Each structure stands twice: as C-alpha cells, then as structure tokens.
Amino acid sequence: MANNLPVFDQTILASVGKAEADIEGSLDCQLMYFYGEIRSGKLTLFRNFVENRVGCPHANSKTLAICLTTPGGEVEPVENMVDIVRHHYDTIYFIVPSAAYSAGTIFCMSGDKIYRDYSSSLGPIDPQVPDKENKYLVPAPGYLDKVAE
C-alpha cells in the first residue's frame, strides 16, 4: 500500500515508523497518538482504537504510551478515556511533544509518567463553555467578565 504513495510520503512514513519502533522498544510499550480536541463525540473512536491496539506489536506489554497534542476540550470525556486505557493497560505514559492544555493536562495527570521536552506545555485548566454559535469552547471567566460589564 505504501508503495503507491509518492516517495516523499513514503519517506515520512518510514521515519515515523522507525521513531514509533524506537519509542516502543525503549519504553517497552505500545504507542498511540491523540492529536486534536478532546470531545465526547470522539469517545467511540478512541475506545475502538485502543481495543484494536491491544492486538498490535508489543501486545504482550501492559504499558501504553500516548503521544498527546491537544488544545484541550471537554473535561467530561477524560474520565471515560482514562477508564478505557486503564481497563486494558496497567501502566500509562504520556508523551507531550508540544502542548496538552486544559482537558489534555487532566488526561496527562492520570498517567504514571509524563515525558515532555523543556519547551512542551501543560495547562491551564479552566472551565470552558460553548460560544454563541456552539462551534468553539471559550473560557467561562471571559463570559462572566462580559456579563459583569
């Protein structure tokens, strides 16, 4: 399948595959990525992915490393996500290459270890509410400030 891709894409996939294998070997774990907002609508996809991951290489490992990059999102699904990964794995590591804000920070706090670069960011944890169009989450204190004005 990869041979049908342009050479540039094949090179990227090969590099990512090697990096994944290096991380899985070094940490004796299975590795997964989560990139994007944490939303309740993603729970089924998350659960299915984790359950399918159980049969992958290093399947005998009871350790999962989650490479997490997120601007945050809804905090309610985090509890479910923790339950899902803890159901299948004894040890959970988080790798934060750039940032895991808000709900992502809470998710990281559920882990046994957090690996991050000196420039990686966690936090802040602040309540979020949907905007008027229900498209984005915005900090609730900002709404309270506008009401006070």
N, C-alpha and C. Protein backbone atom coordinates (compact mmCIF):
# COMPACT_ATOMS: atom_id res chain seq x y z
N MET A 1 0.82 -1.19 0.00
CA MET A 1 0.00 0.00 0.00
C MET A 1 0.86 1.26 0.00
N ALA A 2 1.91 1.27 0.84
CA ALA A 2 2.77 2.44 0.92
C ALA A 2 3.50 2.70 -0.38
N ASN A 3 3.73 1.65 -1.18
CA ASN A 3 4.44 1.82 -2.44
C ASN A 3 3.64 2.65 -3.44
N ASN A 4 2.33 2.79 -3.26
CA ASN A 4 1.50 3.60 -4.14
C ASN A 4 1.60 5.09 -3.79
N LEU A 5 2.24 5.40 -2.70
CA LEU A 5 2.37 6.78 -2.26
C LEU A 5 3.57 7.44 -2.93
N PRO A 6 3.53 8.76 -3.04
CA PRO A 6 4.72 9.47 -3.54
C PRO A 6 5.93 9.19 -2.65
N VAL A 7 7.12 9.28 -3.22
CA VAL A 7 8.36 8.98 -2.49
C VAL A 7 8.47 9.83 -1.22
N PHE A 8 8.09 11.09 -1.31
CA PHE A 8 8.16 11.97 -0.15
C PHE A 8 7.32 11.41 1.00
N ASP A 9 6.09 10.98 0.70
CA ASP A 9 5.22 10.42 1.73
C ASP A 9 5.78 9.11 2.27
N GLN A 10 6.36 8.30 1.39
CA GLN A 10 6.96 7.04 1.84
C GLN A 10 8.10 7.31 2.83
N THR A 11 8.88 8.35 2.54
CA THR A 11 10.00 8.72 3.42
C THR A 11 9.49 9.14 4.79
N ILE A 12 8.44 9.94 4.80
CA ILE A 12 7.86 10.39 6.08
C ILE A 12 7.32 9.19 6.86
N LEU A 13 6.57 8.32 6.18
CA LEU A 13 6.01 7.15 6.86
C LEU A 13 7.12 6.25 7.41
N ALA A 14 8.19 6.08 6.67
CA ALA A 14 9.31 5.26 7.14
C ALA A 14 9.95 5.88 8.37
N SER A 15 10.12 7.20 8.36
CA SER A 15 10.73 7.90 9.51
C SER A 15 9.85 7.80 10.74
N VAL A 16 8.55 8.01 10.56
CA VAL A 16 7.61 7.91 11.68
C VAL A 16 7.58 6.47 12.20
N GLY A 17 7.55 5.51 11.30
CA GLY A 17 7.55 4.10 11.71
C GLY A 17 8.78 3.74 12.52
N LYS A 18 9.95 4.23 12.11
CA LYS A 18 11.17 3.96 12.87
C LYS A 18 11.11 4.62 14.25
N ALA A 19 10.63 5.87 14.30
CA ALA A 19 10.52 6.57 15.59
C ALA A 19 9.56 5.83 16.51
N GLU A 20 8.44 5.36 15.96
CA GLU A 20 7.48 4.58 16.76
C GLU A 20 8.14 3.33 17.32
N ALA A 21 8.85 2.61 16.47
CA ALA A 21 9.52 1.37 16.91
C ALA A 21 10.56 1.67 17.99
N ASP A 22 11.29 2.78 17.83
CA ASP A 22 12.29 3.16 18.83
C ASP A 22 11.64 3.45 20.18
N ILE A 23 10.53 4.21 20.16
CA ILE A 23 9.83 4.53 21.41
C ILE A 23 9.26 3.28 22.04
N GLU A 24 8.59 2.45 21.24
CA GLU A 24 8.01 1.22 21.78
C GLU A 24 9.09 0.31 22.37
N GLY A 25 10.24 0.24 21.71
CA GLY A 25 11.33 -0.59 22.22
C GLY A 25 11.94 -0.01 23.48
N SER A 26 12.17 1.30 23.50
CA SER A 26 12.80 1.94 24.66
C SER A 26 11.92 1.89 25.90
N LEU A 27 10.63 2.10 25.72
CA LEU A 27 9.71 2.13 26.87
C LEU A 27 9.01 0.80 27.11
N ASP A 28 9.28 -0.19 26.25
CA ASP A 28 8.59 -1.49 26.31
C ASP A 28 7.08 -1.28 26.41
N CYS A 29 6.53 -0.63 25.39
CA CYS A 29 5.14 -0.24 25.43
C CYS A 29 4.52 -0.33 24.04
N GLN A 30 3.24 -0.12 24.01
CA GLN A 30 2.53 0.15 22.77
C GLN A 30 2.37 1.66 22.70
N LEU A 31 2.38 2.19 21.48
CA LEU A 31 2.32 3.64 21.30
C LEU A 31 1.09 4.01 20.50
N MET A 32 0.41 5.06 20.92
CA MET A 32 -0.69 5.61 20.13
C MET A 32 -0.58 7.13 20.15
N TYR A 33 -1.22 7.75 19.17
CA TYR A 33 -1.24 9.21 19.07
C TYR A 33 -2.65 9.72 19.29
N PHE A 34 -2.75 10.87 19.93
CA PHE A 34 -4.02 11.60 20.00
C PHE A 34 -3.68 13.04 19.69
N TYR A 35 -4.26 13.54 18.60
CA TYR A 35 -3.99 14.91 18.14
C TYR A 35 -5.34 15.57 17.89
N GLY A 36 -5.63 16.64 18.60
CA GLY A 36 -6.87 17.36 18.39
C GLY A 36 -7.59 17.63 19.69
N GLU A 37 -8.79 18.19 19.56
CA GLU A 37 -9.60 18.50 20.73
C GLU A 37 -10.14 17.22 21.37
N ILE A 38 -10.32 17.27 22.67
CA ILE A 38 -10.94 16.17 23.41
C ILE A 38 -12.42 16.48 23.48
N ARG A 39 -13.21 15.64 22.83
CA ARG A 39 -14.66 15.83 22.74
C ARG A 39 -15.36 14.50 23.01
N SER A 40 -16.55 14.57 23.59
CA SER A 40 -17.31 13.35 23.87
C SER A 40 -17.66 12.60 22.59
N GLY A 41 -17.80 13.31 21.48
CA GLY A 41 -18.11 12.67 20.21
C GLY A 41 -16.99 11.78 19.69
N LYS A 42 -15.80 11.88 20.26
CA LYS A 42 -14.67 11.07 19.83
C LYS A 42 -14.48 9.81 20.68
N LEU A 43 -15.30 9.64 21.71
CA LEU A 43 -15.10 8.52 22.64
C LEU A 43 -15.18 7.15 21.97
N THR A 44 -16.15 6.96 21.09
CA THR A 44 -16.30 5.66 20.43
C THR A 44 -15.07 5.36 19.57
N LEU A 45 -14.61 6.34 18.82
CA LEU A 45 -13.40 6.15 18.01
C LEU A 45 -12.20 5.85 18.89
N PHE A 46 -12.10 6.57 19.99
CA PHE A 46 -10.98 6.36 20.92
C PHE A 46 -11.02 4.94 21.48
N ARG A 47 -12.20 4.52 21.96
CA ARG A 47 -12.33 3.17 22.53
C ARG A 47 -12.00 2.12 21.49
N ASN A 48 -12.54 2.26 20.29
CA ASN A 48 -12.28 1.27 19.24
C ASN A 48 -10.81 1.20 18.90
N PHE A 49 -10.16 2.37 18.82
CA PHE A 49 -8.74 2.38 18.50
C PHE A 49 -7.93 1.67 19.58
N VAL A 50 -8.20 1.98 20.84
CA VAL A 50 -7.47 1.36 21.95
C VAL A 50 -7.71 -0.15 21.95
N GLU A 51 -8.94 -0.57 21.76
CA GLU A 51 -9.24 -2.01 21.76
C GLU A 51 -8.57 -2.72 20.59
N ASN A 52 -8.46 -2.07 19.44
CA ASN A 52 -7.76 -2.67 18.30
C ASN A 52 -6.26 -2.67 18.53
N ARG A 53 -5.77 -1.72 19.28
CA ARG A 53 -4.33 -1.61 19.56
C ARG A 53 -3.84 -2.75 20.44
N VAL A 54 -4.72 -3.34 21.20
CA VAL A 54 -4.34 -4.42 22.12
C VAL A 54 -3.72 -5.59 21.35
N GLY A 55 -4.11 -5.80 20.09
CA GLY A 55 -3.58 -6.91 19.31
C GLY A 55 -2.37 -6.57 18.46
N CYS A 56 -1.81 -5.38 18.60
CA CYS A 56 -0.69 -4.93 17.76
C CYS A 56 0.65 -5.40 18.32
N PRO A 57 1.75 -5.06 17.61
CA PRO A 57 3.08 -5.40 18.14
C PRO A 57 3.23 -4.89 19.57
N HIS A 58 4.03 -5.58 20.33
CA HIS A 58 4.21 -5.32 21.76
C HIS A 58 2.89 -5.56 22.51
N ALA A 59 2.00 -6.38 21.93
CA ALA A 59 0.70 -6.64 22.55
C ALA A 59 0.85 -7.29 23.93
N ASN A 60 1.98 -7.95 24.15
CA ASN A 60 2.19 -8.55 25.47
C ASN A 60 2.53 -7.50 26.52
N SER A 61 2.84 -6.29 26.06
CA SER A 61 3.13 -5.22 27.00
C SER A 61 1.83 -4.70 27.62
N LYS A 62 1.86 -4.49 28.91
CA LYS A 62 0.70 -3.92 29.60
C LYS A 62 0.91 -2.43 29.85
N THR A 63 1.79 -1.85 29.01
CA THR A 63 2.08 -0.43 29.09
C THR A 63 1.68 0.25 27.79
N LEU A 64 0.99 1.38 27.91
CA LEU A 64 0.59 2.18 26.76
C LEU A 64 1.21 3.56 26.90
N ALA A 65 1.82 4.03 25.82
CA ALA A 65 2.31 5.41 25.77
C ALA A 65 1.42 6.18 24.81
N ILE A 66 0.90 7.30 25.27
CA ILE A 66 0.01 8.14 24.46
C ILE A 66 0.76 9.42 24.11
N CYS A 67 1.04 9.60 22.82
CA CYS A 67 1.65 10.83 22.34
C CYS A 67 0.50 11.82 22.16
N LEU A 68 0.44 12.83 23.01
CA LEU A 68 -0.73 13.70 23.10
C LEU A 68 -0.39 15.14 22.73
N THR A 69 -1.15 15.65 21.77
CA THR A 69 -1.09 17.07 21.41
C THR A 69 -2.53 17.55 21.32
N THR A 70 -2.92 18.47 22.21
CA THR A 70 -4.31 18.92 22.24
C THR A 70 -4.42 20.33 22.80
N PRO A 71 -5.34 21.12 22.23
CA PRO A 71 -5.63 22.42 22.82
C PRO A 71 -6.57 22.28 24.03
N GLY A 72 -7.00 21.05 24.31
CA GLY A 72 -7.94 20.79 25.40
C GLY A 72 -9.27 20.36 24.86
N GLY A 73 -10.32 20.78 25.53
CA GLY A 73 -11.66 20.39 25.12
C GLY A 73 -12.55 20.18 26.32
N GLU A 74 -13.39 19.19 26.21
CA GLU A 74 -14.35 18.88 27.28
C GLU A 74 -13.68 18.00 28.32
N VAL A 75 -13.90 18.32 29.59
CA VAL A 75 -13.27 17.54 30.65
C VAL A 75 -14.03 16.23 30.91
N GLU A 76 -15.34 16.21 30.67
CA GLU A 76 -16.14 15.02 30.97
C GLU A 76 -15.63 13.76 30.27
N PRO A 77 -15.27 13.81 28.99
CA PRO A 77 -14.80 12.58 28.33
C PRO A 77 -13.46 12.07 28.87
N VAL A 78 -12.69 12.92 29.52
CA VAL A 78 -11.39 12.48 30.03
C VAL A 78 -11.55 11.31 30.99
N GLU A 79 -12.52 11.37 31.87
CA GLU A 79 -12.74 10.26 32.81
C GLU A 79 -12.99 8.96 32.06
N ASN A 80 -13.81 9.03 31.01
CA ASN A 80 -14.07 7.83 30.20
C ASN A 80 -12.81 7.35 29.50
N MET A 81 -12.01 8.27 28.98
CA MET A 81 -10.78 7.90 28.29
C MET A 81 -9.81 7.22 29.25
N VAL A 82 -9.74 7.73 30.47
CA VAL A 82 -8.89 7.11 31.49
C VAL A 82 -9.40 5.69 31.79
N ASP A 83 -10.70 5.54 31.97
CA ASP A 83 -11.27 4.22 32.22
C ASP A 83 -10.96 3.24 31.09
N ILE A 84 -11.04 3.72 29.85
CA ILE A 84 -10.77 2.87 28.69
C ILE A 84 -9.33 2.38 28.69
N VAL A 85 -8.37 3.30 28.84
CA VAL A 85 -6.97 2.86 28.78
C VAL A 85 -6.58 2.04 30.01
N ARG A 86 -7.12 2.38 31.17
CA ARG A 86 -6.80 1.62 32.39
C ARG A 86 -7.44 0.23 32.38
N HIS A 87 -8.51 0.06 31.63
CA HIS A 87 -9.14 -1.27 31.51
C HIS A 87 -8.20 -2.25 30.79
N HIS A 88 -7.43 -1.74 29.84
CA HIS A 88 -6.59 -2.60 29.01
C HIS A 88 -5.11 -2.58 29.39
N TYR A 89 -4.65 -1.57 30.11
CA TYR A 89 -3.23 -1.42 30.41
C TYR A 89 -3.01 -1.14 31.89
N ASP A 90 -1.90 -1.65 32.41
CA ASP A 90 -1.56 -1.43 33.81
C ASP A 90 -0.80 -0.11 34.01
N THR A 91 -0.03 0.26 33.00
CA THR A 91 0.82 1.45 33.10
C THR A 91 0.55 2.34 31.89
N ILE A 92 0.40 3.64 32.16
CA ILE A 92 0.13 4.61 31.10
C ILE A 92 1.19 5.71 31.16
N TYR A 93 1.86 5.93 30.02
CA TYR A 93 2.79 7.04 29.89
C TYR A 93 2.19 8.06 28.93
N PHE A 94 2.50 9.31 29.15
CA PHE A 94 2.12 10.37 28.22
C PHE A 94 3.39 11.01 27.67
N ILE A 95 3.38 11.23 26.38
CA ILE A 95 4.46 11.93 25.70
C ILE A 95 3.84 13.20 25.13
N VAL A 96 4.34 14.34 25.57
CA VAL A 96 3.80 15.63 25.13
C VAL A 96 4.88 16.35 24.33
N PRO A 97 4.83 16.24 22.99
CA PRO A 97 5.87 16.88 22.18
C PRO A 97 5.76 18.40 22.11
N SER A 98 4.54 18.92 22.20
CA SER A 98 4.41 20.38 22.14
C SER A 98 3.49 20.92 23.24
N ALA A 99 2.20 20.54 23.24
CA ALA A 99 1.28 21.08 24.25
C ALA A 99 0.11 20.14 24.48
N ALA A 100 -0.31 20.10 25.73
CA ALA A 100 -1.54 19.40 26.13
C ALA A 100 -2.21 20.31 27.15
N TYR A 101 -3.13 21.12 26.68
CA TYR A 101 -3.77 22.12 27.52
C TYR A 101 -5.08 21.60 28.11
N SER A 102 -5.51 22.23 29.18
CA SER A 102 -6.83 22.07 29.77
C SER A 102 -7.18 20.60 30.00
N ALA A 103 -8.15 20.07 29.28
CA ALA A 103 -8.54 18.67 29.45
C ALA A 103 -7.38 17.73 29.15
N GLY A 104 -6.48 18.14 28.25
CA GLY A 104 -5.29 17.34 27.96
C GLY A 104 -4.36 17.25 29.15
N THR A 105 -4.25 18.33 29.90
CA THR A 105 -3.44 18.32 31.12
C THR A 105 -4.05 17.36 32.14
N ILE A 106 -5.35 17.39 32.28
CA ILE A 106 -6.03 16.47 33.22
C ILE A 106 -5.79 15.03 32.79
N PHE A 107 -5.89 14.76 31.48
CA PHE A 107 -5.63 13.42 30.96
C PHE A 107 -4.21 12.98 31.30
N CYS A 108 -3.23 13.87 31.10
CA CYS A 108 -1.84 13.55 31.44
C CYS A 108 -1.66 13.22 32.92
N MET A 109 -2.39 13.94 33.78
CA MET A 109 -2.27 13.72 35.22
C MET A 109 -2.74 12.33 35.64
N SER A 110 -3.49 11.66 34.77
CA SER A 110 -3.95 10.30 35.09
C SER A 110 -2.87 9.27 34.81
N GLY A 111 -1.79 9.68 34.17
CA GLY A 111 -0.75 8.74 33.78
C GLY A 111 0.23 8.45 34.89
N ASP A 112 1.06 7.45 34.62
CA ASP A 112 2.10 7.07 35.57
C ASP A 112 3.37 7.90 35.38
N LYS A 113 3.59 8.37 34.14
CA LYS A 113 4.74 9.21 33.83
C LYS A 113 4.36 10.14 32.69
N ILE A 114 4.96 11.32 32.71
CA ILE A 114 4.79 12.27 31.61
C ILE A 114 6.19 12.58 31.06
N TYR A 115 6.36 12.32 29.77
CA TYR A 115 7.60 12.67 29.09
C TYR A 115 7.33 13.92 28.26
N ARG A 116 8.17 14.93 28.44
CA ARG A 116 7.99 16.16 27.68
C ARG A 116 9.32 16.84 27.48
N ASP A 117 9.36 17.66 26.47
CA ASP A 117 10.53 18.46 26.16
C ASP A 117 10.54 19.68 27.08
N TYR A 118 11.68 20.31 27.22
CA TYR A 118 11.75 21.50 28.07
C TYR A 118 10.83 22.62 27.58
N SER A 119 10.45 22.58 26.30
CA SER A 119 9.57 23.63 25.79
C SER A 119 8.12 23.18 25.64
N SER A 120 7.82 21.96 26.02
CA SER A 120 6.43 21.48 25.97
C SER A 120 5.60 22.14 27.06
N SER A 121 4.31 22.28 26.79
CA SER A 121 3.44 22.99 27.74
C SER A 121 2.28 22.12 28.22
N LEU A 122 1.95 22.30 29.48
CA LEU A 122 0.74 21.74 30.09
C LEU A 122 -0.05 22.90 30.67
N GLY A 123 -1.38 22.68 30.87
CA GLY A 123 -2.22 23.71 31.48
C GLY A 123 -2.58 24.80 30.49
N PRO A 124 -3.33 25.78 30.82
CA PRO A 124 -4.07 25.94 32.06
C PRO A 124 -5.33 25.06 32.08
N ILE A 125 -5.84 24.86 33.26
CA ILE A 125 -7.09 24.12 33.41
C ILE A 125 -8.13 25.15 33.83
N ASP A 126 -9.00 25.49 32.88
CA ASP A 126 -10.06 26.46 33.18
C ASP A 126 -11.36 25.99 32.56
N PRO A 127 -12.48 26.31 33.20
CA PRO A 127 -13.77 25.87 32.66
C PRO A 127 -14.03 26.51 31.29
N GLN A 128 -14.58 25.74 30.40
CA GLN A 128 -14.88 26.19 29.04
C GLN A 128 -16.38 26.04 28.79
N VAL A 129 -16.92 26.97 28.02
CA VAL A 129 -18.33 26.91 27.63
C VAL A 129 -18.41 27.13 26.12
N PRO A 130 -19.45 26.60 25.47
CA PRO A 130 -19.58 26.83 24.02
C PRO A 130 -19.86 28.29 23.71
N ASP A 131 -19.34 28.77 22.57
CA ASP A 131 -19.63 30.14 22.15
C ASP A 131 -21.06 30.21 21.61
N LYS A 132 -21.49 31.41 21.18
CA LYS A 132 -22.87 31.60 20.73
C LYS A 132 -23.25 30.69 19.58
N GLU A 133 -22.31 30.42 18.67
CA GLU A 133 -22.60 29.56 17.52
C GLU A 133 -22.42 28.08 17.84
N ASN A 134 -21.98 27.77 19.07
CA ASN A 134 -21.74 26.41 19.52
C ASN A 134 -20.67 25.72 18.67
N LYS A 135 -19.70 26.52 18.19
CA LYS A 135 -18.61 25.98 17.37
C LYS A 135 -17.35 25.75 18.19
N TYR A 136 -17.09 26.67 19.10
CA TYR A 136 -15.84 26.64 19.84
C TYR A 136 -16.10 26.69 21.33
N LEU A 137 -15.12 26.21 22.07
CA LEU A 137 -15.16 26.36 23.53
C LEU A 137 -14.34 27.59 23.88
N VAL A 138 -14.88 28.41 24.75
CA VAL A 138 -14.20 29.62 25.20
C VAL A 138 -14.15 29.63 26.72
N PRO A 139 -13.16 30.30 27.31
CA PRO A 139 -13.06 30.33 28.78
C PRO A 139 -14.30 30.95 29.43
N ALA A 140 -14.87 30.24 30.38
CA ALA A 140 -16.06 30.72 31.09
C ALA A 140 -15.82 32.03 31.83
N PRO A 141 -14.65 32.25 32.46
CA PRO A 141 -14.45 33.53 33.14
C PRO A 141 -14.60 34.73 32.19
N GLY A 142 -14.26 34.56 30.92
CA GLY A 142 -14.42 35.63 29.95
C GLY A 142 -15.89 36.01 29.78
N TYR A 143 -16.77 34.99 29.76
CA TYR A 143 -18.20 35.26 29.69
C TYR A 143 -18.66 35.99 30.93
N LEU A 144 -18.19 35.56 32.08
CA LEU A 144 -18.58 36.22 33.34
C LEU A 144 -18.13 37.67 33.37
N ASP A 145 -16.93 37.93 32.83
CA ASP A 145 -16.46 39.31 32.77
C ASP A 145 -17.37 40.16 31.89
N LYS A 146 -17.81 39.62 30.76
CA LYS A 146 -18.70 40.36 29.85
C LYS A 146 -20.05 40.64 30.52
N VAL A 147 -20.57 39.67 31.27
CA VAL A 147 -21.82 39.87 32.00
C VAL A 147 -21.65 40.97 33.02
N ALA A 148 -20.52 40.97 33.72
CA ALA A 148 -20.26 41.98 34.74
C ALA A 148 -20.17 43.39 34.14
N GLU A 149 -19.69 43.47 32.90
CA GLU A 149 -19.60 44.79 32.23
C GLU A 149 -20.98 45.33 31.96
